[in-house]
């Protein structure tokens, strides 16, 4: 049976959108399609975001998700618009004063993108959860902004138990805070800045070996023009083969050995060839091309535990599928996690089998000096090898699905292809929960202690924010929230800082009196400049979480608006 996929733009099969409509959508999203591709955009459009509080920080964050086209959002906010909101939130107008903040922000955000559906709930999240404990279960991402400690811990507990990605964002005076909680997050397309071409020089595919033997067996017979257009891959393969023959079949992977290979490549120069750019390209590529794409380090560890994780997650998915309490979104996220591990287990089986210790071939080659027909022929060889490797991985995936009683169509070739092409940079990040951070007496004391020792870092602001949260939980207002209470709140806040420092094994109060006084002067205010910065950073991390592309922050980001610096802490 042929599986028919409905169009993600118009929900119909076949697609009922006109060519003009489709091209209009492509023009709208052209820049981001270049960043995360159509499959990344499809993930964006399948996302349902819940924003807790339509504050300036929340509005700026959601704006940066509405513009690139998330599927839908819901704002939960029980506050009415007050004068302070008009001064820091661009998504409120003078006429909004006294109205529901959730309603007003939703209306203006929807005007940014007609393809995004928006909704709102004019109640605090604590009230919503009291009447509807399962309210958050239907969302694929929760963004909590300016949330009091009690509500934050309540929301975080729900998100952790349901594996719902959570971003906590807070703008406090001249400080910005972001906490990313993604539980177990899989990075499929890391997009490394310096990607090394997968040329397989030390383990050339059979088709490449045959191609070189057929066209370049007698290099001396080539004309000057032909020699000047020999692809540098050919020189590298021949040099590697020559070096191995002289060294009992060993492979030149060490630095000294690569220097010897470079000398062999130099010997390939011909005096009658004036333009030997291809030789220069070969020399430049020796250091990177003479390495085998074999899993090492964290990737090797990841592949080794993949099969066990499949069995564990398959049991969870089977149990969740039979449960009436599991939401469709939560079940979908469990299946997505399972799919990743099934594919990773398939790659591991390939490495142990057909790959002979190597990862699947990527299938792309860089630009190089060559005539068009030769370059296309080389490109075809690598593409065909990549396809053959992917098909072998897919066969392992199908076998694993059968063994775990999973549907045969759980993973399609379209889904498997990006993972195989990016196998070298696969990663899984395990996040510390909010509960663990706020209850453990060893919540990252080493990294936090180092941050406090460094005057250029913003670790002190993290301690102050935690202390201010405890202050508010006990006294129902932020320290210094009233101008008249600044001086009286300073010693109280200092006491909270001292108590927190002991909890975190940081010794006596590690924060200067001047900084405590300055923090108290901020009074929990939310400045648009800080909110805008944090909205941009938070939305960027949200997109990483949604698309499983690029490596997300792990796990805390602090922006210091006083110095214009930022710090990343793992707590």
Protein backbone atom coordinates (compact mmCIF):
# COMPACT_ATOMS: atom_id res chain seq x y z
CA UNK A 1 0.00 0.00 0.00
CA UNK A 2 1.21 3.50 -0.82
CA UNK A 3 1.26 5.87 2.14
CA UNK A 4 -0.14 9.24 1.17
CA UNK A 5 1.08 12.25 3.04
CA UNK A 6 -1.18 15.26 3.20
CA UNK A 7 0.26 18.64 2.36
CA UNK A 8 1.48 20.33 5.54
CA UNK A 9 0.36 23.70 4.20
CA UNK A 10 -3.26 22.94 3.27
CA UNK A 11 -3.86 19.56 5.00
CA UNK A 12 -5.12 18.00 1.77
CA UNK A 13 -4.04 15.22 -0.57
CA UNK A 14 -3.11 16.02 -3.20
CA UNK A 15 -2.02 19.53 -2.27
CA UNK A 16 -4.81 22.00 -2.96
CA UNK A 17 -2.57 25.06 -2.77
CA UNK A 18 -1.87 26.78 -6.04
CA UNK A 19 1.67 27.11 -7.32
CA UNK A 20 1.51 30.82 -6.49
CA UNK A 21 0.52 30.03 -2.90
CA UNK A 22 3.37 27.57 -2.50
CA UNK A 23 5.93 29.93 -4.02
CA UNK A 24 4.62 32.71 -1.77
CA UNK A 25 5.25 30.52 1.25
CA UNK A 26 8.72 29.66 -0.01
CA UNK A 27 9.50 33.35 -0.47
CA UNK A 28 8.23 34.13 3.03
CA UNK A 29 10.42 31.47 4.62
CA UNK A 30 13.33 31.50 2.14
CA UNK A 31 16.03 32.51 4.61
CA UNK A 32 15.13 29.99 7.28
CA UNK A 33 14.71 27.19 4.76
CA UNK A 34 18.38 27.73 3.99
CA UNK A 35 19.14 27.31 7.70
CA UNK A 36 17.09 24.27 8.69
CA UNK A 37 15.59 22.95 5.45
CA UNK A 38 12.06 21.89 4.58
CA UNK A 39 12.05 19.10 7.16
CA UNK A 40 13.05 21.61 9.83
CA UNK A 41 10.27 23.93 8.69
CA UNK A 42 7.79 21.04 8.80
CA UNK A 43 8.79 20.46 12.43
CA UNK A 44 8.21 24.15 13.14
CA UNK A 45 4.75 24.05 11.62
CA UNK A 46 3.84 20.97 13.66
CA UNK A 47 4.76 22.72 16.92
CA UNK A 48 2.26 23.90 19.52
CA UNK A 49 3.76 26.42 21.97
CA UNK A 50 2.36 27.44 25.34
CA UNK A 51 3.60 30.81 26.59
CA UNK A 52 3.12 31.47 30.28
CA UNK A 53 2.69 35.23 30.75
CA UNK A 54 2.40 37.69 27.89
CA UNK A 55 5.06 39.92 29.41
CA UNK A 56 7.54 41.92 27.36
CA UNK A 57 9.99 39.00 27.56
CA UNK A 58 7.32 36.48 26.63
CA UNK A 59 6.01 38.59 23.75
CA UNK A 60 9.48 39.12 22.30
CA UNK A 61 10.23 35.40 22.52
CA UNK A 62 6.97 34.36 20.91
CA UNK A 63 7.31 37.03 18.20
CA UNK A 64 10.51 35.33 17.05
CA UNK A 65 8.66 32.02 16.76
CA UNK A 66 5.53 33.35 15.08
CA UNK A 67 7.52 35.05 12.32
CA UNK A 68 9.26 31.82 11.17
CA UNK A 69 5.95 29.97 11.29
CA UNK A 70 5.27 27.73 14.28
CA UNK A 71 1.98 25.88 13.98
CA UNK A 72 0.05 27.44 16.86
CA UNK A 73 0.47 29.08 20.23
CA UNK A 74 -1.53 29.67 23.38
CA UNK A 75 -0.82 32.47 25.86
CA UNK A 76 -1.77 31.84 29.49
CA UNK A 77 -1.87 35.06 31.50
CA UNK A 78 -4.30 36.17 34.19
CA UNK A 79 -3.06 39.78 34.30
CA UNK A 80 -4.74 42.84 32.87
CA UNK A 81 -2.71 45.46 31.01
CA UNK A 82 -1.31 48.15 33.33
CA UNK A 83 0.62 51.34 32.60
CA UNK A 84 3.99 49.63 33.14
CA UNK A 85 3.15 47.14 30.37
CA UNK A 86 2.63 49.97 27.88
CA UNK A 87 6.17 51.17 28.57
CA UNK A 88 7.97 47.90 27.88
CA UNK A 89 5.79 45.76 25.60
CA UNK A 90 5.54 46.70 21.92
CA UNK A 91 2.64 44.27 21.49
CA UNK A 92 0.31 46.39 23.59
CA UNK A 93 -1.39 49.67 22.66
CA UNK A 94 -2.78 52.52 24.73
CA UNK A 95 -6.26 51.18 24.08
CA UNK A 96 -5.20 47.89 25.70
CA UNK A 97 -5.08 49.45 29.17
CA UNK A 98 -7.27 47.49 31.57
CA UNK A 99 -7.92 44.67 29.09
CA UNK A 100 -6.72 41.08 29.28
CA UNK A 101 -3.00 41.05 28.51
CA UNK A 102 -3.23 37.55 27.05
CA UNK A 103 -5.97 38.65 24.64
CA UNK A 104 -4.22 41.83 23.48
CA UNK A 105 -0.82 40.22 22.92
CA UNK A 106 -2.39 37.29 21.07
CA UNK A 107 -4.26 39.60 18.71
CA UNK A 108 -1.19 41.62 17.73
CA UNK A 109 1.12 38.62 17.44
CA UNK A 110 -1.29 36.92 15.06
CA UNK A 111 -1.06 39.89 12.73
CA UNK A 112 2.61 39.03 12.14
CA UNK A 113 1.85 35.73 10.38
CA UNK A 114 -1.52 34.68 9.00
CA UNK A 115 -0.40 31.04 8.84
CA UNK A 116 -0.04 30.77 12.64
CA UNK A 117 -3.03 30.04 14.88
CA UNK A 118 -3.18 31.81 18.23
CA UNK A 119 -5.30 31.34 21.34
CA UNK A 120 -5.25 32.64 24.91
CA UNK A 121 -6.42 31.83 28.42
CA UNK A 122 -7.04 34.81 30.71
CA UNK A 123 -6.08 33.03 33.93
CA UNK A 124 -2.87 32.44 35.83
CA UNK A 125 -1.29 29.06 35.15
CA UNK A 126 -1.84 28.01 38.78
CA UNK A 127 -5.59 28.53 38.37
CA UNK A 128 -5.62 26.69 35.05
CA UNK A 129 -3.76 23.69 36.46
CA UNK A 130 -6.04 23.58 39.47
CA UNK A 131 -9.08 23.05 37.26
CA UNK A 132 -7.30 21.26 34.39
CA UNK A 133 -4.22 19.35 35.64
CA UNK A 134 -3.59 17.97 32.15
CA UNK A 135 -3.65 21.39 30.44
CA UNK A 136 0.04 21.41 29.49
CA UNK A 137 0.04 17.84 28.18
CA UNK A 138 -1.08 18.85 24.69
CA UNK A 139 1.81 21.25 24.00
CA UNK A 140 5.10 20.38 22.34
CA UNK A 141 6.97 23.30 23.96
CA UNK A 142 6.34 25.40 27.07
CA UNK A 143 7.94 28.83 27.57
CA UNK A 144 7.64 30.20 31.11
CA UNK A 145 8.42 33.91 31.51
CA UNK A 146 8.49 36.06 34.65
CA UNK A 147 7.04 33.16 36.63
CA UNK A 148 7.07 33.09 40.46
CA UNK A 149 9.02 30.24 42.07
CA UNK A 150 6.04 28.17 43.23
CA UNK A 151 4.38 28.17 39.81
CA UNK A 152 7.72 27.59 38.08
CA UNK A 153 8.41 24.44 40.07
CA UNK A 154 4.86 23.21 39.48
CA UNK A 155 5.12 23.72 35.72
CA UNK A 156 8.64 22.25 35.58
CA UNK A 157 7.50 19.09 37.38
CA UNK A 158 4.74 18.53 34.82
CA UNK A 159 7.04 19.15 31.86
CA UNK A 160 9.69 16.80 33.21
CA UNK A 161 7.22 13.99 33.89
CA UNK A 162 5.79 14.33 30.38
CA UNK A 163 9.12 15.01 28.61
CA UNK A 164 7.79 18.35 27.35
CA UNK A 165 10.61 20.78 26.44
CA UNK A 166 10.63 23.78 28.77
CA UNK A 167 12.33 27.17 28.47
CA UNK A 168 12.39 29.43 31.51
CA UNK A 169 13.06 33.08 30.64
CA UNK A 170 13.28 35.98 33.08
CA UNK A 171 14.23 39.62 32.60
CA UNK A 172 15.09 41.27 35.91
CA UNK A 173 16.34 44.82 35.71
CA UNK A 174 19.60 44.73 33.77
CA UNK A 175 19.83 40.95 33.99
CA UNK A 176 18.53 38.32 31.60
CA UNK A 177 18.15 34.66 32.56
CA UNK A 178 17.42 31.63 30.40
CA UNK A 179 17.16 28.04 31.60
CA UNK A 180 16.78 25.26 29.02
CA UNK A 181 15.19 21.99 30.17
CA UNK A 182 14.92 19.46 27.34
CA UNK A 183 15.23 16.23 29.38
CA UNK A 184 16.99 13.92 26.89
CA UNK A 185 17.55 15.93 23.72
CA UNK A 186 18.82 14.43 20.48
CA UNK A 187 20.85 16.54 18.04
CA UNK A 188 20.58 15.09 14.54
CA UNK A 189 21.97 17.93 12.43
CA UNK A 190 24.62 19.78 14.43
CA UNK A 191 25.76 21.98 11.50
CA UNK A 192 29.42 22.14 12.67
CA UNK A 193 31.28 25.26 11.59
CA UNK A 194 34.18 23.30 10.11
CA UNK A 195 32.81 20.21 8.43
CA UNK A 196 35.40 17.78 7.06
CA UNK A 197 34.58 16.27 3.62
CA UNK A 198 33.92 12.52 3.72
CA UNK A 199 36.17 11.37 0.84
CA UNK A 200 37.08 7.87 2.11
CA UNK A 201 40.62 8.21 0.79
CA UNK A 202 41.91 5.51 3.15
CA UNK A 203 38.95 3.23 2.47
CA UNK A 204 37.73 4.10 -1.04
CA UNK A 205 34.46 2.55 -2.26
CA UNK A 206 34.90 -0.20 -4.84
CA UNK A 207 33.34 2.01 -7.52
CA UNK A 208 35.87 4.76 -6.81
CA UNK A 209 38.76 2.31 -7.02
CA UNK A 210 37.46 1.00 -10.35
CA UNK A 211 36.93 4.56 -11.63
CA UNK A 212 40.52 5.53 -10.84
CA UNK A 213 41.90 2.31 -12.33
CA UNK A 214 39.95 2.83 -15.55
CA UNK A 215 40.78 6.49 -16.12
CA UNK A 216 44.04 7.14 -14.30
CA UNK A 217 45.97 3.88 -14.27
CA UNK A 218 48.61 5.32 -16.61
CA UNK A 219 49.03 8.92 -15.43
CA UNK A 220 52.01 9.48 -17.73
CA UNK A 221 49.78 8.90 -20.75
CA UNK A 222 47.59 11.89 -19.90
CA UNK A 223 48.00 15.07 -21.91
CA UNK A 224 48.97 18.29 -20.17
CA UNK A 225 45.37 19.51 -20.21
CA UNK A 226 44.06 16.19 -18.92
CA UNK A 227 46.63 16.07 -16.11
CA UNK A 228 45.76 19.60 -15.02
CA UNK A 229 42.16 18.46 -14.52
CA UNK A 230 42.79 15.27 -12.55
CA UNK A 231 40.63 15.59 -9.37
CA UNK A 232 42.74 15.88 -6.25
CA UNK A 233 40.94 12.84 -4.80
CA UNK A 234 42.78 10.72 -7.36
CA UNK A 235 46.19 12.01 -6.24
CA UNK A 236 45.31 11.36 -2.59
CA UNK A 237 44.12 7.80 -3.21
CA UNK A 238 47.20 6.99 -5.28
CA UNK A 239 49.53 8.56 -2.70
CA UNK A 240 47.87 6.65 0.14
CA UNK A 241 48.13 3.40 -1.78
CA UNK A 242 51.80 4.01 -2.57
CA UNK A 243 52.62 4.81 1.07
CA UNK A 244 50.72 1.74 2.34
CA UNK A 245 52.53 -0.54 -0.11
CA UNK A 246 55.85 0.69 1.25
CA UNK A 247 54.73 0.28 4.87
CA UNK A 248 53.30 -3.25 5.03
CA UNK A 249 49.74 -2.15 4.34
CA UNK A 250 49.54 0.36 7.21
CA UNK A 251 47.43 3.50 6.88
CA UNK A 252 49.01 6.97 7.09
CA UNK A 253 47.05 8.59 9.93
CA UNK A 254 49.81 10.04 12.14
CA UNK A 255 51.24 13.51 11.54
CA UNK A 256 54.68 12.23 10.50
CA UNK A 257 53.11 9.73 8.12
CA UNK A 258 50.98 12.45 6.53
CA UNK A 259 54.14 14.48 5.91
CA UNK A 260 55.52 11.52 4.00
CA UNK A 261 52.31 11.33 1.97
CA UNK A 262 52.63 15.03 1.17
CA UNK A 263 56.08 14.31 -0.26
CA UNK A 264 54.56 11.62 -2.47
CA UNK A 265 51.91 14.07 -3.70
CA UNK A 266 54.66 16.59 -4.45
CA UNK A 267 56.34 13.96 -6.60
CA UNK A 268 53.25 13.86 -8.81
CA UNK A 269 54.01 17.32 -10.20
CA UNK A 270 54.80 17.44 -13.92
CA UNK A 271 57.07 20.08 -15.38
CA UNK A 272 54.88 20.44 -18.45
CA UNK A 273 51.84 21.37 -16.33
CA UNK A 274 52.04 25.04 -15.44
CA UNK A 275 48.67 25.26 -13.71
CA UNK A 276 48.76 22.46 -11.13
CA UNK A 277 46.03 23.78 -8.85
CA UNK A 278 44.83 20.22 -8.36
CA UNK A 279 48.17 19.28 -6.77
CA UNK A 280 47.88 22.24 -4.39
CA UNK A 281 44.34 21.15 -3.51
CA UNK A 282 45.60 17.65 -2.75
CA UNK A 283 48.37 18.98 -0.50
CA UNK A 284 45.90 21.18 1.38
CA UNK A 285 43.53 18.26 1.92
CA UNK A 286 46.06 15.75 3.29
CA UNK A 287 45.51 16.62 6.96
CA UNK A 288 41.72 16.29 6.83
CA UNK A 289 41.26 13.65 4.14
CA UNK A 290 43.56 11.09 5.76
CA UNK A 291 41.26 10.25 8.63
CA UNK A 292 38.69 7.50 8.81
CA UNK A 293 35.04 8.38 9.58
CA UNK A 294 34.91 5.92 12.47
CA UNK A 295 32.91 6.59 15.65
CA UNK A 296 35.08 7.64 18.59
CA UNK A 297 34.58 9.16 22.03
CA UNK A 298 31.04 10.22 22.89
CA UNK A 299 29.66 9.02 19.54
CA UNK A 300 31.09 5.55 20.09
CA UNK A 301 29.48 5.49 23.53
CA UNK A 302 26.18 6.69 22.04
CA UNK A 303 26.14 3.90 19.45
CA UNK A 304 27.07 1.28 22.03
CA UNK A 305 24.00 1.97 24.17
CA UNK A 306 21.53 2.55 21.32
CA UNK A 307 20.17 -0.99 21.20
CA UNK A 308 19.48 -1.04 24.94
CA UNK A 309 17.72 2.33 24.75
CA UNK A 310 15.51 1.02 21.94
CA UNK A 311 14.25 -1.88 24.05
CA UNK A 312 13.64 0.39 27.04
CA UNK A 313 11.80 3.07 25.07
CA UNK A 314 9.81 0.56 23.02
CA UNK A 315 8.38 -0.85 26.24
CA UNK A 316 7.45 2.68 27.37
CA UNK A 317 5.77 3.48 24.05
CA UNK A 318 3.78 0.23 24.09
CA UNK A 319 2.58 1.02 27.63
CA UNK A 320 1.79 4.65 26.76
CA UNK A 321 -0.15 3.61 23.65
CA UNK A 322 -2.39 1.44 25.80
CA UNK A 323 -2.93 4.21 28.37
CA UNK A 324 -5.94 6.51 28.20
CA UNK A 325 -4.07 9.21 30.15
CA UNK A 326 -1.37 9.77 27.53
CA UNK A 327 -2.02 12.76 25.25
CA UNK A 328 -1.44 12.44 21.52
CA UNK A 329 1.31 15.08 21.67
CA UNK A 330 3.10 13.33 24.53
CA UNK A 331 2.82 9.98 22.76
CA UNK A 332 4.13 11.58 19.57
CA UNK A 333 7.17 12.93 21.42
CA UNK A 334 7.86 9.50 22.92
CA UNK A 335 7.71 7.98 19.44
CA UNK A 336 10.02 10.67 18.09
CA UNK A 337 12.55 9.84 20.80
CA UNK A 338 12.18 6.13 20.07
CA UNK A 339 12.65 6.75 16.34
CA UNK A 340 15.97 8.47 16.98
CA UNK A 341 17.29 5.56 19.00
CA UNK A 342 16.03 2.99 16.48
CA UNK A 343 17.86 4.83 13.69
CA UNK A 344 20.97 5.19 15.84
CA UNK A 345 20.86 1.47 16.61
CA UNK A 346 20.59 0.85 12.86
CA UNK A 347 23.71 2.94 12.29
CA UNK A 348 25.50 1.01 15.05
CA UNK A 349 24.58 -2.29 13.38
CA UNK A 350 25.84 -0.93 10.05
CA UNK A 351 29.16 0.12 11.60
CA UNK A 352 29.59 -3.36 13.07
CA UNK A 353 28.59 -5.00 9.79
CA UNK A 354 28.68 -3.63 6.26
CA UNK A 355 30.52 -0.48 7.29
CA UNK A 356 33.53 -2.43 8.58
CA UNK A 357 33.89 0.00 11.47
CA UNK A 358 33.03 3.13 9.48
CA UNK A 359 29.95 5.35 9.49
CA UNK A 360 27.60 5.64 6.48
CA UNK A 361 29.00 7.66 3.58
CA UNK A 362 27.77 11.26 3.52
CA UNK A 363 27.60 11.34 -0.28
CA UNK A 364 28.74 14.88 -1.06
CA UNK A 365 32.10 16.09 -2.35
CA UNK A 366 33.61 19.59 -2.20
CA UNK A 367 34.39 21.77 -5.19
CA UNK A 368 37.65 20.83 -6.89
CA UNK A 369 39.60 21.35 -10.09
CA UNK A 370 38.21 18.89 -12.65
CA UNK A 371 36.34 18.88 -15.93
CA UNK A 372 32.57 18.77 -15.61
CA UNK A 373 32.03 15.17 -16.73
CA UNK A 374 34.68 13.84 -14.34
CA UNK A 375 33.31 15.82 -11.41
CA UNK A 376 29.77 14.59 -12.09
CA UNK A 377 31.02 11.01 -12.36
CA UNK A 378 32.80 11.31 -9.00
CA UNK A 379 29.76 12.92 -7.44
CA UNK A 380 27.58 10.07 -8.68
CA UNK A 381 29.93 7.47 -7.17
CA UNK A 382 29.72 9.05 -3.72
CA UNK A 383 25.96 9.60 -3.96
CA UNK A 384 25.36 5.98 -4.94
CA UNK A 385 27.58 4.75 -2.11
CA UNK A 386 25.68 6.98 0.32
CA UNK A 387 22.37 5.58 -0.93
CA UNK A 388 23.62 2.00 -0.62
CA UNK A 389 24.82 2.65 2.94
CA UNK A 390 21.51 4.25 3.88
CA UNK A 391 19.59 1.29 2.46
CA UNK A 392 21.75 -1.05 4.53
CA UNK A 393 21.02 1.02 7.65
CA UNK A 394 17.32 0.98 6.79
CA UNK A 395 17.40 -2.82 6.56
CA UNK A 396 18.84 -2.94 10.08
CA UNK A 397 16.17 -0.49 11.24
CA UNK A 398 13.41 -2.68 9.81
CA UNK A 399 14.89 -5.71 11.54
CA UNK A 400 15.00 -3.86 14.88
CA UNK A 401 11.38 -2.73 14.46
CA UNK A 402 10.32 -6.33 13.86
CA UNK A 403 12.17 -7.55 16.94
CA UNK A 404 10.59 -4.85 19.13
CA UNK A 405 7.06 -5.27 17.68
CA UNK A 406 7.16 -1.76 16.24
CA UNK A 407 5.34 -0.74 13.04
CA UNK A 408 7.39 -1.25 9.90
CA UNK A 409 6.65 2.28 8.71
CA UNK A 410 7.88 3.90 11.94
CA UNK A 411 10.88 5.32 10.09
CA UNK A 412 10.81 6.33 6.45
CA UNK A 413 13.81 6.82 4.18
CA UNK A 414 13.17 10.59 4.21
CA UNK A 415 13.58 10.66 7.99
CA UNK A 416 16.58 8.31 8.01
CA UNK A 417 18.54 10.18 5.33
CA UNK A 418 19.48 13.27 7.43
CA UNK A 419 20.57 11.10 10.34
CA UNK A 420 22.81 8.92 8.17
CA UNK A 421 24.37 11.97 6.53
CA UNK A 422 25.05 13.55 9.92
CA UNK A 423 25.99 10.41 11.83
CA UNK A 424 29.46 11.71 12.68
CA UNK A 425 27.99 14.61 14.69
CA UNK A 426 25.07 12.87 16.40
CA UNK A 427 24.72 13.87 20.04
CA UNK A 428 22.40 13.34 22.99
CA UNK A 429 22.28 15.93 25.76
CA UNK A 430 20.87 15.01 29.18
CA UNK A 431 19.49 18.03 31.02
CA UNK A 432 19.27 18.59 34.76
CA UNK A 433 15.69 19.17 35.84
CA UNK A 434 14.56 22.34 37.62
CA UNK A 435 13.57 20.18 40.59
CA UNK A 436 17.10 18.77 40.87
CA UNK A 437 18.66 22.21 40.52
CA UNK A 438 16.48 23.79 43.19
CA UNK A 439 16.59 20.94 45.70
CA UNK A 440 20.12 19.56 45.41
CA UNK A 441 22.79 20.95 47.72
CA UNK A 442 25.33 20.29 44.97
CA UNK A 443 23.53 22.01 42.10
CA UNK A 444 26.56 22.77 39.99
CA UNK A 445 28.76 24.23 42.74
CA UNK A 446 31.97 23.76 40.74
CA UNK A 447 30.81 25.64 37.63
CA UNK A 448 28.99 28.21 39.73
CA UNK A 449 31.97 28.66 42.03
CA UNK A 450 34.24 29.19 39.04
CA UNK A 451 31.78 31.74 37.66
CA UNK A 452 31.79 33.63 40.95
CA UNK A 453 35.60 33.65 40.97
CA UNK A 454 35.64 35.27 37.54
CA UNK A 455 34.66 38.95 37.79
CA UNK A 456 33.83 39.01 34.07
CA UNK A 457 31.15 36.33 34.46
CA UNK A 458 27.58 36.74 35.60
CA UNK A 459 27.37 33.86 38.07
CA UNK A 460 26.67 36.31 40.89
CA UNK A 461 23.49 37.42 39.13
CA UNK A 462 22.25 33.83 39.09
CA UNK A 463 22.67 33.59 42.86
CA UNK A 464 20.90 36.93 43.30
CA UNK A 465 17.97 35.86 41.11
CA UNK A 466 17.57 32.63 43.08
CA UNK A 467 17.68 34.62 46.33
CA UNK A 468 15.14 37.13 44.97
CA UNK A 469 12.81 34.26 44.01
CA UNK A 470 12.98 32.94 47.58
CA UNK A 471 12.44 36.50 48.87
CA UNK A 472 9.29 36.89 46.75
CA UNK A 473 7.97 33.46 47.69
CA UNK A 474 8.12 34.43 51.35
CA UNK A 475 7.15 38.11 51.17
CA UNK A 476 4.89 38.23 48.07
CA UNK A 477 6.89 41.01 46.39
CA UNK A 478 10.28 41.41 44.75
CA UNK A 479 13.07 43.02 46.80
CA UNK A 480 13.02 46.76 46.21
CA UNK A 481 9.75 46.57 44.25
CA UNK A 482 8.69 49.80 45.98
CA UNK A 483 11.09 52.75 46.01
CA UNK A 484 10.42 53.16 49.72
CA UNK A 485 11.45 49.57 50.49
CA UNK A 486 14.82 49.45 48.70
CA UNK A 487 17.00 50.25 51.71
CA UNK A 488 15.05 48.05 54.10
CA UNK A 489 15.03 45.12 51.66
CA UNK A 490 18.80 45.14 51.06
CA UNK A 491 19.80 43.41 54.35
CA UNK A 492 16.94 40.93 53.97
CA UNK A 493 18.03 40.04 50.45
CA UNK A 494 21.61 39.67 51.69
CA UNK A 495 20.38 37.18 54.27
CA UNK A 496 18.64 35.17 51.55
CA UNK A 497 21.87 35.23 49.51
CA UNK A 498 23.86 33.92 52.49
CA UNK A 499 21.39 31.09 53.08
CA UNK A 500 21.43 30.12 49.40
CA UNK A 501 25.24 30.22 49.33
CA UNK A 502 25.32 27.69 52.17
CA UNK A 503 22.81 25.45 50.35
CA UNK A 504 25.00 25.52 47.24
CA UNK A 505 28.19 24.87 49.24
CA UNK A 506 29.57 28.26 48.26
CA UNK A 507 30.60 29.25 51.79
CA UNK A 508 29.77 32.69 53.14
CA UNK A 509 28.02 35.37 51.11
CA UNK A 510 29.95 35.46 47.81
CA UNK A 511 28.24 38.60 46.48
CA UNK A 512 29.44 42.14 47.11
CA UNK A 513 27.22 44.55 49.05
CA UNK A 514 27.27 46.98 46.11
CA UNK A 515 25.86 44.37 43.72
CA UNK A 516 23.19 43.31 46.21
CA UNK A 517 22.15 46.95 46.60
CA UNK A 518 22.09 47.44 42.82
CA UNK A 519 20.02 44.29 42.34
CA UNK A 520 17.58 45.53 44.98
CA UNK A 521 17.25 48.86 43.15
CA UNK A 522 16.01 47.02 40.07
CA UNK A 523 12.94 45.94 42.03
CA UNK A 524 12.05 43.11 39.68
CA UNK A 525 11.47 45.56 36.81
CA UNK A 526 11.27 44.31 33.23
CA UNK A 527 13.10 46.50 30.72
CA UNK A 528 12.30 46.20 27.04
CA UNK A 529 15.96 46.30 25.98
CA UNK A 530 16.74 43.26 28.12
CA UNK A 531 13.47 41.56 27.18
CA UNK A 532 14.31 41.96 23.50
CA UNK A 533 17.77 40.41 23.90
CA UNK A 534 16.41 37.50 25.91
CA UNK A 535 13.52 37.00 23.49
CA UNK A 536 15.98 36.58 20.63
CA UNK A 537 18.19 34.15 22.53
CA UNK A 538 15.29 32.11 23.94
CA UNK A 539 13.58 31.76 20.56
CA UNK A 540 16.85 30.60 19.02
CA UNK A 541 17.11 27.84 21.63
CA UNK A 542 13.44 26.98 21.07
CA UNK A 543 14.07 26.45 17.36
CA UNK A 544 17.03 24.19 18.14
CA UNK A 545 14.78 22.13 20.40
CA UNK A 546 11.97 21.95 17.84
CA UNK A 547 14.07 21.04 14.80
CA UNK A 548 16.74 18.93 16.55
CA UNK A 549 19.25 20.96 14.57
CA UNK A 550 22.24 22.88 15.92
CA UNK A 551 23.52 22.21 19.44
CA UNK A 552 21.35 23.81 22.14
CA UNK A 553 22.52 25.50 25.30
CA UNK A 554 23.18 23.25 28.29
CA UNK A 555 21.67 24.60 30.40
CA UNK A 556 21.76 28.16 31.83
CA UNK A 557 22.45 31.48 30.13
CA UNK A 558 22.94 34.75 32.03
CA UNK A 559 23.04 38.14 30.30
CA UNK A 560 24.63 40.99 32.23
CA UNK A 561 23.23 44.24 30.88
CA UNK A 562 25.52 46.31 33.11
CA UNK A 563 28.64 45.09 31.35
CA UNK A 564 27.17 43.80 28.09
CA UNK A 565 28.59 40.33 28.77
CA UNK A 566 27.05 36.88 29.00
CA UNK A 567 27.86 33.58 30.67
CA UNK A 568 26.79 30.02 30.11
CA UNK A 569 26.58 27.74 33.14
CA UNK A 570 25.85 24.04 33.44
CA UNK A 571 23.87 23.67 36.67
